[in-house]
Amino acid sequence: MLSTEKRRYTYKDYQELPEGAPYQLINGDLVMTPAATPYHQRISIKLEKELQKLEENGLGEVLHAPIDVYLSETETYQPDILFISKDRLGIIGEQRIEGAPDLIVEILSPSTAYYDLKAKMRVYESSGVREYWVVDPMEQSIEIYENKERSFQLADKALLEAKSVKSTVSSRLFSQLKIALKTIF
């Protein structure tokens, strides 16, 4: 049984949780993540359909939460959506993803935004995630960060129906991946 007296948890502790327990291992802490709202799920499904085009073109594989992405002994996350290029499919293990996916999408919610924008973003960056998408359902925006030498740089941002702001985002990894925000929100 998992001890509640521990201050810093490891992947071994995380594995002892019951299957389906709503936790992520962030900076050695077990962080509970409540179920997504219907609006969050609708956005996730629409984005996944767009990313599915990469899989249909034989470029790799799209997966979605809940799935463990193991990045270190104290960092195991469940991103909303991830993509792994065909030449890196070997990181897909039997129980978890063993390393940094090429592309990760996190859809912000009040309970997870802090982690998605701070702790997890830094670990994704240093672990070598090549592209990180931050989707804000409240603002109806998408930001795309490109990893350059283990440092995320804002590569694109779009906001739905904002005057003088574009409403389409484009991946830097996959030139054919362009998403009109009106199809997502």
C-alpha atoms as a PDB file:
ATOM      1  CA  MET A   1       0.000   0.000   0.000  1.00  0.00           C
ATOM      2  CA  LEU A   2       1.211   3.501  -0.846  1.00  0.00           C
ATOM      3  CA  SER A   3       2.481   5.430   2.186  1.00  0.00           C
ATOM      4  CA  THR A   4       1.097   8.937   2.656  1.00  0.00           C
ATOM      5  CA  GLU A   5       4.088   9.958   4.759  1.00  0.00           C
ATOM      6  CA  LYS A   6       6.475  10.133   1.810  1.00  0.00           C
ATOM      7  CA  ARG A   7       7.406  13.561   0.582  1.00  0.00           C
ATOM      8  CA  ARG A   8       8.847  12.600  -2.828  1.00  0.00           C
ATOM      9  CA  TYR A   9       7.261   9.844  -4.882  1.00  0.00           C
ATOM     10  CA  THR A  10       8.858   7.789  -7.642  1.00  0.00           C
ATOM     11  CA  TYR A  11       7.537   5.843 -10.578  1.00  0.00           C
ATOM     12  CA  LYS A  12       7.559   2.719  -8.386  1.00  0.00           C
ATOM     13  CA  ASP A  13       5.126   4.452  -5.984  1.00  0.00           C
ATOM     14  CA  TYR A  14       3.044   5.640  -8.917  1.00  0.00           C
ATOM     15  CA  GLN A  15       2.748   2.048 -10.200  1.00  0.00           C
ATOM     16  CA  GLU A  16       1.233   1.008  -6.867  1.00  0.00           C
ATOM     17  CA  LEU A  17      -1.798   3.228  -7.419  1.00  0.00           C
ATOM     18  CA  PRO A  18      -4.957   1.408  -8.503  1.00  0.00           C
ATOM     19  CA  GLU A  19      -5.378   1.198 -12.272  1.00  0.00           C
ATOM     20  CA  GLY A  20      -7.184   4.266 -13.552  1.00  0.00           C
ATOM     21  CA  ALA A  21      -6.368   6.374 -10.473  1.00  0.00           C
ATOM     22  CA  PRO A  22      -6.589  10.044 -11.583  1.00  0.00           C
ATOM     23  CA  TYR A  23      -3.001  11.025 -10.773  1.00  0.00           C
ATOM     24  CA  GLN A  24       0.100  12.264 -12.532  1.00  0.00           C
ATOM     25  CA  LEU A  25       3.600  12.170 -11.071  1.00  0.00           C
ATOM     26  CA  ILE A  26       4.848  15.760 -11.266  1.00  0.00           C
ATOM     27  CA  ASN A  27       8.134  16.745  -9.671  1.00  0.00           C
ATOM     28  CA  GLY A  28       7.893  13.791  -7.293  1.00  0.00           C
ATOM     29  CA  ASP A  29       4.364  14.704  -6.170  1.00  0.00           C
ATOM     30  CA  LEU A  30       1.232  12.695  -6.866  1.00  0.00           C
ATOM     31  CA  VAL A  31      -1.093  15.285  -8.379  1.00  0.00           C
ATOM     32  CA  MET A  32      -4.766  14.400  -8.710  1.00  0.00           C
ATOM     33  CA  THR A  33      -6.306  15.400 -12.037  1.00  0.00           C
ATOM     34  CA  PRO A  34     -10.109  15.373 -12.099  1.00  0.00           C
ATOM     35  CA  ALA A  35     -12.071  14.090 -15.066  1.00  0.00           C
ATOM     36  CA  ALA A  36     -12.250  16.370 -18.083  1.00  0.00           C
ATOM     37  CA  THR A  37     -15.372  18.405 -18.800  1.00  0.00           C
ATOM     38  CA  PRO A  38     -17.499  17.662 -21.861  1.00  0.00           C
ATOM     39  CA  TYR A  39     -16.211  20.877 -23.526  1.00  0.00           C
ATOM     40  CA  HIS A  40     -12.611  19.758 -22.896  1.00  0.00           C
ATOM     41  CA  GLN A  41     -13.387  16.344 -24.396  1.00  0.00           C
ATOM     42  CA  ARG A  42     -15.025  17.868 -27.483  1.00  0.00           C
ATOM     43  CA  ILE A  43     -11.929  19.992 -28.111  1.00  0.00           C
ATOM     44  CA  SER A  44      -9.677  16.980 -27.589  1.00  0.00           C
ATOM     45  CA  ILE A  45     -11.631  14.849 -30.065  1.00  0.00           C
ATOM     46  CA  LYS A  46     -11.545  17.562 -32.733  1.00  0.00           C
ATOM     47  CA  LEU A  47      -7.806  18.107 -32.308  1.00  0.00           C
ATOM     48  CA  GLU A  48      -7.148  14.389 -32.370  1.00  0.00           C
ATOM     49  CA  LYS A  49      -9.030  14.125 -35.679  1.00  0.00           C
ATOM     50  CA  GLU A  50      -6.742  16.795 -37.124  1.00  0.00           C
ATOM     51  CA  LEU A  51      -3.623  15.036 -35.847  1.00  0.00           C
ATOM     52  CA  GLN A  52      -4.965  11.728 -37.138  1.00  0.00           C
ATOM     53  CA  LYS A  53      -4.144  13.009 -40.651  1.00  0.00           C
ATOM     54  CA  LEU A  54      -0.461  12.558 -39.796  1.00  0.00           C
ATOM     55  CA  GLU A  55      -1.083   8.924 -38.891  1.00  0.00           C
ATOM     56  CA  GLU A  56      -3.134   8.375 -42.057  1.00  0.00           C
ATOM     57  CA  ASN A  57      -0.142   9.636 -44.064  1.00  0.00           C
ATOM     58  CA  GLY A  58       2.126   7.077 -42.389  1.00  0.00           C
ATOM     59  CA  LEU A  59       4.089   9.635 -40.385  1.00  0.00           C
ATOM     60  CA  GLY A  60       3.604   8.058 -36.963  1.00  0.00           C
ATOM     61  CA  GLU A  61       1.025   7.357 -34.279  1.00  0.00           C
ATOM     62  CA  VAL A  62      -1.458   9.506 -32.330  1.00  0.00           C
ATOM     63  CA  LEU A  63      -2.395   8.525 -28.776  1.00  0.00           C
ATOM     64  CA  HIS A  64      -4.560  10.221 -26.145  1.00  0.00           C
ATOM     65  CA  ALA A  65      -5.135  10.338 -22.394  1.00  0.00           C
ATOM     66  CA  PRO A  66      -5.072   8.455 -20.248  1.00  0.00           C
ATOM     67  CA  ILE A  67      -1.668   7.081 -21.211  1.00  0.00           C
ATOM     68  CA  ASP A  68       1.503   7.348 -19.145  1.00  0.00           C
ATOM     69  CA  VAL A  69       4.470   9.223 -20.565  1.00  0.00           C
ATOM     70  CA  TYR A  70       7.500   8.304 -18.461  1.00  0.00           C
ATOM     71  CA  LEU A  71      10.155  11.033 -18.559  1.00  0.00           C
ATOM     72  CA  SER A  72      12.078  10.275 -15.338  1.00  0.00           C
ATOM     73  CA  GLU A  73      11.663   8.528 -11.988  1.00  0.00           C
ATOM     74  CA  THR A  74       9.748  11.552 -10.645  1.00  0.00           C
ATOM     75  CA  GLU A  75       7.983  12.694 -13.847  1.00  0.00           C
ATOM     76  CA  THR A  76       5.204  10.610 -15.417  1.00  0.00           C
ATOM     77  CA  TYR A  77       2.451  12.567 -17.152  1.00  0.00           C
ATOM     78  CA  GLN A  78      -0.762  11.869 -19.021  1.00  0.00           C
ATOM     79  CA  PRO A  79      -0.942  14.509 -21.771  1.00  0.00           C
ATOM     80  CA  ASP A  80      -4.266  15.017 -23.519  1.00  0.00           C
ATOM     81  CA  ILE A  81      -2.891  14.066 -26.946  1.00  0.00           C
ATOM     82  CA  LEU A  82       0.530  13.001 -28.185  1.00  0.00           C
ATOM     83  CA  PHE A  83       2.162  12.085 -31.468  1.00  0.00           C
ATOM     84  CA  ILE A  84       5.195   9.875 -32.010  1.00  0.00           C
ATOM     85  CA  SER A  85       6.991   9.856 -35.379  1.00  0.00           C
ATOM     86  CA  LYS A  86       7.281   6.533 -37.191  1.00  0.00           C
ATOM     87  CA  ASP A  87      11.059   6.402 -36.717  1.00  0.00           C
ATOM     88  CA  ARG A  88      10.563   6.703 -32.924  1.00  0.00           C
ATOM     89  CA  LEU A  89       7.678   4.278 -32.405  1.00  0.00           C
ATOM     90  CA  GLY A  90      10.052   2.129 -30.339  1.00  0.00           C
ATOM     91  CA  ILE A  91       9.416   4.401 -27.328  1.00  0.00           C
ATOM     92  CA  ILE A  92       5.899   2.954 -27.113  1.00  0.00           C
ATOM     93  CA  GLY A  93       6.265   0.305 -24.424  1.00  0.00           C
ATOM     94  CA  GLU A  94       3.808  -2.269 -23.219  1.00  0.00           C
ATOM     95  CA  GLN A  95       2.813  -0.222 -20.152  1.00  0.00           C
ATOM     96  CA  ARG A  96       3.871   3.349 -20.983  1.00  0.00           C
ATOM     97  CA  ILE A  97       5.580   5.707 -23.387  1.00  0.00           C
ATOM     98  CA  GLU A  98       9.299   5.502 -22.610  1.00  0.00           C
ATOM     99  CA  GLY A  99      10.518   9.027 -23.314  1.00  0.00           C
ATOM    100  CA  ALA A 100       9.537  12.256 -24.995  1.00  0.00           C
ATOM    101  CA  PRO A 101       6.927  12.137 -27.762  1.00  0.00           C
ATOM    102  CA  ASP A 102       7.539  14.374 -30.763  1.00  0.00           C
ATOM    103  CA  LEU A 103       4.404  16.444 -30.208  1.00  0.00           C
ATOM    104  CA  ILE A 104       2.305  16.945 -27.082  1.00  0.00           C
ATOM    105  CA  VAL A 105      -1.038  18.740 -26.769  1.00  0.00           C
ATOM    106  CA  GLU A 106      -2.252  19.900 -23.365  1.00  0.00           C
ATOM    107  CA  ILE A 107      -5.744  21.369 -23.056  1.00  0.00           C
ATOM    108  CA  LEU A 108      -5.835  23.733 -20.096  1.00  0.00           C
ATOM    109  CA  SER A 109      -8.355  23.373 -17.300  1.00  0.00           C
ATOM    110  CA  PRO A 110      -8.577  25.288 -14.022  1.00  0.00           C
ATOM    111  CA  SER A 111      -7.148  22.338 -12.084  1.00  0.00           C
ATOM    112  CA  THR A 112      -4.222  21.581 -14.432  1.00  0.00           C
ATOM    113  CA  ALA A 113      -3.232  24.890 -16.080  1.00  0.00           C
ATOM    114  CA  TYR A 114      -0.535  25.705 -13.540  1.00  0.00           C
ATOM    115  CA  TYR A 115       1.181  22.349 -14.073  1.00  0.00           C
ATOM    116  CA  ASP A 116       0.731  22.395 -17.866  1.00  0.00           C
ATOM    117  CA  LEU A 117       2.227  25.898 -18.172  1.00  0.00           C
ATOM    118  CA  LYS A 118       4.985  25.570 -15.577  1.00  0.00           C
ATOM    119  CA  ALA A 119       6.320  22.265 -14.259  1.00  0.00           C
ATOM    120  CA  LYS A 120       5.265  19.992 -17.112  1.00  0.00           C
ATOM    121  CA  MET A 121       6.238  22.507 -19.790  1.00  0.00           C
ATOM    122  CA  ARG A 122       9.796  22.754 -18.374  1.00  0.00           C
ATOM    123  CA  VAL A 123      10.162  18.972 -18.249  1.00  0.00           C
ATOM    124  CA  TYR A 124       8.741  18.546 -21.761  1.00  0.00           C
ATOM    125  CA  GLU A 125      11.245  21.147 -22.932  1.00  0.00           C
ATOM    126  CA  SER A 126      14.290  19.564 -21.271  1.00  0.00           C
ATOM    127  CA  SER A 127      13.191  16.022 -22.201  1.00  0.00           C
ATOM    128  CA  GLY A 128      13.203  16.848 -25.905  1.00  0.00           C
ATOM    129  CA  VAL A 129       9.525  17.137 -26.856  1.00  0.00           C
ATOM    130  CA  ARG A 130       9.891  18.746 -30.277  1.00  0.00           C
ATOM    131  CA  GLU A 131       6.584  20.631 -30.332  1.00  0.00           C
ATOM    132  CA  TYR A 132       4.239  21.562 -27.480  1.00  0.00           C
ATOM    133  CA  TRP A 133       0.705  22.819 -28.051  1.00  0.00           C
ATOM    134  CA  VAL A 134      -1.116  24.691 -25.299  1.00  0.00           C
ATOM    135  CA  VAL A 135      -4.848  24.863 -25.925  1.00  0.00           C
ATOM    136  CA  ASP A 136      -6.856  27.337 -23.867  1.00  0.00           C
ATOM    137  CA  PRO A 137     -10.602  26.556 -24.025  1.00  0.00           C
ATOM    138  CA  MET A 138     -11.601  29.714 -22.122  1.00  0.00           C
ATOM    139  CA  GLU A 139      -9.591  32.064 -24.348  1.00  0.00           C
ATOM    140  CA  GLN A 140     -10.263  29.852 -27.377  1.00  0.00           C
ATOM    141  CA  SER A 141      -6.624  29.967 -28.379  1.00  0.00           C
ATOM    142  CA  ILE A 142      -3.813  27.630 -29.359  1.00  0.00           C
ATOM    143  CA  GLU A 143      -0.125  28.323 -28.810  1.00  0.00           C
ATOM    144  CA  ILE A 144       2.498  26.190 -30.523  1.00  0.00           C
ATOM    145  CA  TYR A 145       5.976  26.033 -29.005  1.00  0.00           C
ATOM    146  CA  GLU A 146       8.923  24.700 -30.983  1.00  0.00           C
ATOM    147  CA  ASN A 147      11.856  23.159 -29.127  1.00  0.00           C
ATOM    148  CA  LYS A 148      15.142  24.701 -30.207  1.00  0.00           C
ATOM    149  CA  GLU A 149      18.165  23.361 -28.338  1.00  0.00           C
ATOM    150  CA  ARG A 150      16.050  22.269 -25.331  1.00  0.00           C
ATOM    151  CA  SER A 151      14.291  25.636 -25.150  1.00  0.00           C
ATOM    152  CA  PHE A 152      10.675  26.231 -26.167  1.00  0.00           C
ATOM    153  CA  GLN A 153      10.126  29.196 -28.446  1.00  0.00           C
ATOM    154  CA  LEU A 154       6.627  30.428 -29.276  1.00  0.00           C
ATOM    155  CA  ALA A 155       6.312  29.519 -32.958  1.00  0.00           C
ATOM    156  CA  ASP A 156       2.644  30.272 -33.589  1.00  0.00           C
ATOM    157  CA  LYS A 157      -0.452  31.489 -31.789  1.00  0.00           C
ATOM    158  CA  ALA A 158      -4.037  31.953 -32.879  1.00  0.00           C
ATOM    159  CA  LEU A 159      -7.127  33.231 -31.152  1.00  0.00           C
ATOM    160  CA  LEU A 160     -10.648  32.493 -32.349  1.00  0.00           C
ATOM    161  CA  GLU A 161     -12.488  35.507 -33.737  1.00  0.00           C
ATOM    162  CA  ALA A 162     -10.049  38.127 -32.525  1.00  0.00           C
ATOM    163  CA  LYS A 163      -9.768  41.226 -34.657  1.00  0.00           C
ATOM    164  CA  SER A 164      -6.365  41.587 -36.312  1.00  0.00           C
ATOM    165  CA  VAL A 165      -5.224  38.241 -34.886  1.00  0.00           C
ATOM    166  CA  LYS A 166      -5.039  35.187 -37.103  1.00  0.00           C
ATOM    167  CA  SER A 167      -7.343  32.265 -36.423  1.00  0.00           C
ATOM    168  CA  THR A 168      -5.273  29.410 -37.873  1.00  0.00           C
ATOM    169  CA  VAL A 169      -2.191  27.704 -36.417  1.00  0.00           C
ATOM    170  CA  SER A 170       0.479  25.714 -38.230  1.00  0.00           C
ATOM    171  CA  SER A 171       2.830  23.045 -36.969  1.00  0.00           C
ATOM    172  CA  ARG A 172       6.548  23.624 -37.517  1.00  0.00           C
ATOM    173  CA  LEU A 173       7.194  19.866 -37.500  1.00  0.00           C
ATOM    174  CA  PHE A 174       4.559  18.974 -40.073  1.00  0.00           C
ATOM    175  CA  SER A 175       3.946  21.601 -42.750  1.00  0.00           C
ATOM    176  CA  GLN A 176       0.700  19.933 -43.818  1.00  0.00           C
ATOM    177  CA  LEU A 177      -0.790  20.375 -40.334  1.00  0.00           C
ATOM    178  CA  LYS A 178      -2.746  23.627 -40.327  1.00  0.00           C
ATOM    179  CA  ILE A 179      -5.707  24.024 -38.007  1.00  0.00           C
ATOM    180  CA  ALA A 180      -8.466  26.604 -38.238  1.00  0.00           C
ATOM    181  CA  LEU A 181      -9.606  27.367 -34.723  1.00  0.00           C
ATOM    182  CA  LYS A 182     -13.243  27.586 -35.809  1.00  0.00           C
ATOM    183  CA  THR A 183     -13.087  23.802 -36.404  1.00  0.00           C
ATOM    184  CA  ILE A 184     -11.884  23.203 -32.827  1.00  0.00           C
ATOM    185  CA  PHE A 185     -13.849  25.610 -30.606  1.00  0.00           C
END
